[in-house]
PDB file of N, CA and C in Angstrom:
ATOM      1  N   UNK A   1     210.398 115.839  58.447  1.00  0.00           N
ATOM      2  CA  UNK A   1     210.391 114.401  58.732  1.00  0.00           C
ATOM      3  C   UNK A   1     209.372 114.066  59.835  1.00  0.00           C
ATOM      4  N   UNK A   2     209.434 114.831  60.920  1.00  0.00           N
ATOM      5  CA  UNK A   2     208.544 114.595  62.060  1.00  0.00           C
ATOM      6  C   UNK A   2     207.084 114.704  61.681  1.00  0.00           C
ATOM      7  N   UNK A   3     206.747 115.695  60.866  1.00  0.00           N
ATOM      8  CA  UNK A   3     205.357 115.909  60.451  1.00  0.00           C
ATOM      9  C   UNK A   3     204.878 114.741  59.588  1.00  0.00           C
ATOM     10  N   UNK A   4     205.743 114.242  58.724  1.00  0.00           N
ATOM     11  CA  UNK A   4     205.395 113.116  57.850  1.00  0.00           C
ATOM     12  C   UNK A   4     205.088 111.857  58.644  1.00  0.00           C
ATOM     13  N   UNK A   5     205.898 111.602  59.676  1.00  0.00           N
ATOM     14  CA  UNK A   5     205.700 110.424  60.537  1.00  0.00           C
ATOM     15  C   UNK A   5     204.379 110.558  61.302  1.00  0.00           C
ATOM     16  N   UNK A   6     204.115 111.762  61.826  1.00  0.00           N
ATOM     17  CA  UNK A   6     202.860 112.017  62.546  1.00  0.00           C
ATOM     18  C   UNK A   6     201.659 111.784  61.632  1.00  0.00           C
ATOM     19  N   UNK A   7     201.756 112.297  60.422  1.00  0.00           N
ATOM     20  CA  UNK A   7     200.674 112.141  59.444  1.00  0.00           C
ATOM     21  C   UNK A   7     200.476 110.660  59.121  1.00  0.00           C
ATOM     22  N   UNK A   8     201.576 109.946  58.963  1.00  0.00           N
ATOM     23  CA  UNK A   8     201.523 108.504  58.696  1.00  0.00           C
ATOM     24  C   UNK A   8     200.826 107.738  59.813  1.00  0.00           C
ATOM     25  N   UNK A   9     201.181 108.071  61.052  1.00  0.00           N
ATOM     26  CA  UNK A   9     200.545 107.421  62.209  1.00  0.00           C
ATOM     27  C   UNK A   9     199.059 107.755  62.279  1.00  0.00           C
ATOM     28  N   UNK A  10     198.721 109.024  61.963  1.00  0.00           N
ATOM     29  CA  UNK A  10     197.327 109.459  61.989  1.00  0.00           C
ATOM     30  C   UNK A  10     196.514 108.670  60.951  1.00  0.00           C
ATOM     31  N   UNK A  11     197.060 108.539  59.739  1.00  0.00           N
ATOM     32  CA  UNK A  11     196.390 107.784  58.671  1.00  0.00           C
ATOM     33  C   UNK A  11     196.254 106.318  59.077  1.00  0.00           C
ATOM     34  N   UNK A  12     197.314 105.740  59.656  1.00  0.00           N
ATOM     35  CA  UNK A  12     197.273 104.347  60.106  1.00  0.00           C
ATOM     36  C   UNK A  12     196.203 104.137  61.178  1.00  0.00           C
ATOM     37  N   UNK A  13     196.125 105.059  62.135  1.00  0.00           N
ATOM     38  CA  UNK A  13     195.137 104.933  63.209  1.00  0.00           C
ATOM     39  C   UNK A  13     193.719 105.040  62.657  1.00  0.00           C
ATOM     40  N   UNK A  14     193.518 105.937  61.679  1.00  0.00           N
ATOM     41  CA  UNK A  14     192.201 106.079  61.050  1.00  0.00           C
ATOM     42  C   UNK A  14     191.837 104.801  60.294  1.00  0.00           C
ATOM     43  N   UNK A  15     192.794 104.279  59.524  1.00  0.00           N
ATOM     44  CA  UNK A  15     192.562 103.035  58.777  1.00  0.00           C
ATOM     45  C   UNK A  15     192.274 101.874  59.729  1.00  0.00           C
ATOM     46  N   UNK A  16     192.996 101.842  60.849  1.00  0.00           N
ATOM     47  CA  UNK A  16     192.812 100.786  61.853  1.00  0.00           C
ATOM     48  C   UNK A  16     191.409 100.853  62.445  1.00  0.00           C
ATOM     49  N   UNK A  17     190.948 102.079  62.757  1.00  0.00           N
ATOM     50  CA  UNK A  17     189.598 102.265  63.299  1.00  0.00           C
ATOM     51  C   UNK A  17     188.543 101.845  62.288  1.00  0.00           C
ATOM     52  N   UNK A  18     188.749 102.214  61.018  1.00  0.00           N
ATOM     53  CA  UNK A  18     187.810 101.836  59.949  1.00  0.00           C
ATOM     54  C   UNK A  18     187.778 100.315  59.805  1.00  0.00           C
ATOM     55  N   UNK A  19     188.959  99.682  59.849  1.00  0.00           N
ATOM     56  CA  UNK A  19     189.052  98.224  59.727  1.00  0.00           C
ATOM     57  C   UNK A  19     188.289  97.533  60.855  1.00  0.00           C
ATOM     58  N   UNK A  20     188.472  98.011  62.088  1.00  0.00           N
ATOM     59  CA  UNK A  20     187.769  97.431  63.240  1.00  0.00           C
ATOM     60  C   UNK A  20     186.259  97.603  63.079  1.00  0.00           C
ATOM     61  N   UNK A  21     185.844  98.787  62.636  1.00  0.00           N
ATOM     62  CA  UNK A  21     184.432  99.103  62.416  1.00  0.00           C
ATOM     63  C   UNK A  21     183.832  98.160  61.370  1.00  0.00           C
ATOM     64  N   UNK A  22     184.553  97.967  60.255  1.00  0.00           N
ATOM     65  CA  UNK A  22     184.102  97.081  59.168  1.00  0.00           C
ATOM     66  C   UNK A  22     184.005  95.639  59.657  1.00  0.00           C
ATOM     67  N   UNK A  23     184.997  95.185  60.428  1.00  0.00           N
ATOM     68  CA  UNK A  23     184.997  93.821  60.975  1.00  0.00           C
ATOM     69  C   UNK A  23     183.808  93.620  61.914  1.00  0.00           C
ATOM     70  N   UNK A  24     183.526  94.604  62.765  1.00  0.00           N
ATOM     71  CA  UNK A  24     182.386  94.518  63.685  1.00  0.00           C
ATOM     72  C   UNK A  24     181.072  94.417  62.916  1.00  0.00           C
ATOM     73  N   UNK A  25     180.931  95.216  61.861  1.00  0.00           N
ATOM     74  CA  UNK A  25     179.721  95.175  61.035  1.00  0.00           C
ATOM     75  C   UNK A  25     179.600  93.808  60.359  1.00  0.00           C
ATOM     76  N   UNK A  26     180.711  93.307  59.824  1.00  0.00           N
ATOM     77  CA  UNK A  26     180.714  91.996  59.163  1.00  0.00           C
ATOM     78  C   UNK A  26     180.300  90.896  60.138  1.00  0.00           C
ATOM     79  N   UNK A  27     180.831  90.927  61.366  1.00  0.00           N
ATOM     80  CA  UNK A  27     180.484  89.929  62.386  1.00  0.00           C
ATOM     81  C   UNK A  27     178.998  90.013  62.718  1.00  0.00           C
ATOM     82  N   UNK A  28     178.487  91.241  62.860  1.00  0.00           N
ATOM     83  CA  UNK A  28     177.065  91.447  63.165  1.00  0.00           C
ATOM     84  C   UNK A  28     176.191  90.877  62.049  1.00  0.00           C
ATOM     85  N   UNK A  29     176.560  91.150  60.795  1.00  0.00           N
ATOM     86  CA  UNK A  29     175.795  90.649  59.639  1.00  0.00           C
ATOM     87  C   UNK A  29     175.837  89.125  59.606  1.00  0.00           C
ATOM     88  N   UNK A  30     177.026  88.536  59.824  1.00  0.00           N
ATOM     89  CA  UNK A  30     177.179  87.073  59.824  1.00  0.00           C
ATOM     90  C   UNK A  30     176.336  86.449  60.939  1.00  0.00           C
ATOM     91  N   UNK A  31     176.363  87.068  62.126  1.00  0.00           N
ATOM     92  CA  UNK A  31     175.551  86.560  63.239  1.00  0.00           C
ATOM     93  C   UNK A  31     174.066  86.619  62.891  1.00  0.00           C
ATOM     94  N   UNK A  32     173.621  87.729  62.306  1.00  0.00           N
ATOM     95  CA  UNK A  32     172.208  87.871  61.920  1.00  0.00           C
ATOM     96  C   UNK A  32     171.820  86.807  60.901  1.00  0.00           C
ATOM     97  N   UNK A  33     172.684  86.591  59.906  1.00  0.00           N
ATOM     98  CA  UNK A  33     172.433  85.564  58.883  1.00  0.00           C
ATOM     99  C   UNK A  33     172.392  84.178  59.509  1.00  0.00           C
ATOM    100  N   UNK A  34     173.328  83.919  60.439  1.00  0.00           N
ATOM    101  CA  UNK A  34     173.399  82.626  61.109  1.00  0.00           C
ATOM    102  C   UNK A  34     172.133  82.358  61.913  1.00  0.00           C
ATOM    103  N   UNK A  35     171.685  83.380  62.680  1.00  0.00           N
ATOM    104  CA  UNK A  35     170.466  83.226  63.474  1.00  0.00           C
ATOM    105  C   UNK A  35     169.245  83.047  62.575  1.00  0.00           C
ATOM    106  N   UNK A  36     169.194  83.798  61.470  1.00  0.00           N
ATOM    107  CA  UNK A  36     168.082  83.682  60.528  1.00  0.00           C
ATOM    108  C   UNK A  36     168.066  82.283  59.907  1.00  0.00           C
ATOM    109  N   UNK A  37     169.255  81.781  59.557  1.00  0.00           N
ATOM    110  CA  UNK A  37     169.384  80.447  58.964  1.00  0.00           C
ATOM    111  C   UNK A  37     168.973  79.370  59.967  1.00  0.00           C
ATOM    112  N   UNK A  38     169.459  79.505  61.213  1.00  0.00           N
ATOM    113  CA  UNK A  38     169.104  78.546  62.267  1.00  0.00           C
ATOM    114  C   UNK A  38     167.598  78.546  62.517  1.00  0.00           C
ATOM    115  N   UNK A  39     167.002  79.738  62.519  1.00  0.00           N
ATOM    116  CA  UNK A  39     165.554  79.868  62.715  1.00  0.00           C
ATOM    117  C   UNK A  39     164.803  79.224  61.548  1.00  0.00           C
ATOM    118  N   UNK A  40     165.277  79.474  60.333  1.00  0.00           N
ATOM    119  CA  UNK A  40     164.641  78.904  59.138  1.00  0.00           C
ATOM    120  C   UNK A  40     164.725  77.381  59.154  1.00  0.00           C
ATOM    121  N   UNK A  41     165.886  76.838  59.549  1.00  0.00           N
ATOM    122  CA  UNK A  41     166.077  75.384  59.604  1.00  0.00           C
ATOM    123  C   UNK A  41     165.158  74.774  60.667  1.00  0.00           C
ATOM    124  N   UNK A  42     165.103  75.384  61.852  1.00  0.00           N
ATOM    125  CA  UNK A  42     164.245  74.857  62.918  1.00  0.00           C
ATOM    126  C   UNK A  42     162.782  74.936  62.501  1.00  0.00           C
ATOM    127  N   UNK A  43     162.418  76.021  61.806  1.00  0.00           N
ATOM    128  CA  UNK A  43     161.049  76.211  61.321  1.00  0.00           C
ATOM    129  C   UNK A  43     160.740  75.150  60.255  1.00  0.00           C
ATOM    130  N   UNK A  44     161.716  74.912  59.368  1.00  0.00           N
ATOM    131  CA  UNK A  44     161.570  73.915  58.301  1.00  0.00           C
ATOM    132  C   UNK A  44     161.394  72.514  58.899  1.00  0.00           C
ATOM    133  N   UNK A  45     162.200  72.198  59.919  1.00  0.00           N
ATOM    134  CA  UNK A  45     162.090  70.905  60.600  1.00  0.00           C
ATOM    135  C   UNK A  45     160.735  70.767  61.293  1.00  0.00           C
ATOM    136  N   UNK A  46     160.263  71.841  61.899  1.00  0.00           N
ATOM    137  CA  UNK A  46     158.970  71.820  62.589  1.00  0.00           C
ATOM    138  C   UNK A  46     157.853  71.560  61.570  1.00  0.00           C
ATOM    139  N   UNK A  47     157.981  72.172  60.382  1.00  0.00           N
ATOM    140  CA  UNK A  47     156.982  71.970  59.323  1.00  0.00           C
ATOM    141  C   UNK A  47     156.989  70.529  58.814  1.00  0.00           C
ATOM    142  N   UNK A  48     158.166  69.908  58.801  1.00  0.00           N
ATOM    143  CA  UNK A  48     158.301  68.547  58.265  1.00  0.00           C
ATOM    144  C   UNK A  48     158.134  67.447  59.312  1.00  0.00           C
ATOM    145  N   UNK A  49     157.803  67.819  60.526  1.00  0.00           N
ATOM    146  CA  UNK A  49     157.656  66.834  61.605  1.00  0.00           C
ATOM    147  C   UNK A  49     156.718  65.664  61.250  1.00  0.00           C
ATOM    148  N   UNK A  50     155.530  65.910  60.711  1.00  0.00           N
ATOM    149  CA  UNK A  50     154.630  64.774  60.399  1.00  0.00           C
ATOM    150  C   UNK A  50     155.264  63.772  59.427  1.00  0.00           C
ATOM    151  N   UNK A  51     155.983  64.286  58.414  1.00  0.00           N
ATOM    152  CA  UNK A  51     156.640  63.417  57.438  1.00  0.00           C
ATOM    153  C   UNK A  51     157.756  62.605  58.105  1.00  0.00           C
ATOM    154  N   UNK A  52     158.532  63.258  58.976  1.00  0.00           N
ATOM    155  CA  UNK A  52     159.630  62.577  59.666  1.00  0.00           C
ATOM    156  C   UNK A  52     159.086  61.471  60.583  1.00  0.00           C
ATOM    157  N   UNK A  53     157.999  61.764  61.314  1.00  0.00           N
ATOM    158  CA  UNK A  53     157.425  60.773  62.227  1.00  0.00           C
ATOM    159  C   UNK A  53     156.905  59.557  61.424  1.00  0.00           C
ATOM    160  N   UNK A  54     156.485  59.806  60.188  1.00  0.00           N
ATOM    161  CA  UNK A  54     156.022  58.729  59.316  1.00  0.00           C
ATOM    162  C   UNK A  54     157.157  57.781  58.957  1.00  0.00           C
ATOM    163  N   UNK A  55     158.373  58.347  58.730  1.00  0.00           N
ATOM    164  CA  UNK A  55     159.541  57.534  58.375  1.00  0.00           C
ATOM    165  C   UNK A  55     159.985  56.682  59.548  1.00  0.00           C
ATOM    166  N   UNK A  56     159.997  57.259  60.769  1.00  0.00           N
ATOM    167  CA  UNK A  56     160.432  56.521  61.938  1.00  0.00           C
ATOM    168  C   UNK A  56     159.309  55.575  62.342  1.00  0.00           C
TER     169      UNK A  56
END
């Protein structure tokens, strides 16, 4: 019984570490995408400045 519980806790701790690792990677990827998107939008707005100034 004791060995089974220990093994269960070991598997849970490994799964927990993997889950945290996956979440960290996902957050990093989302941040990179967000920054890339923000950069693309600001770049797009900068490119369209002459057209926008024409409207105003």
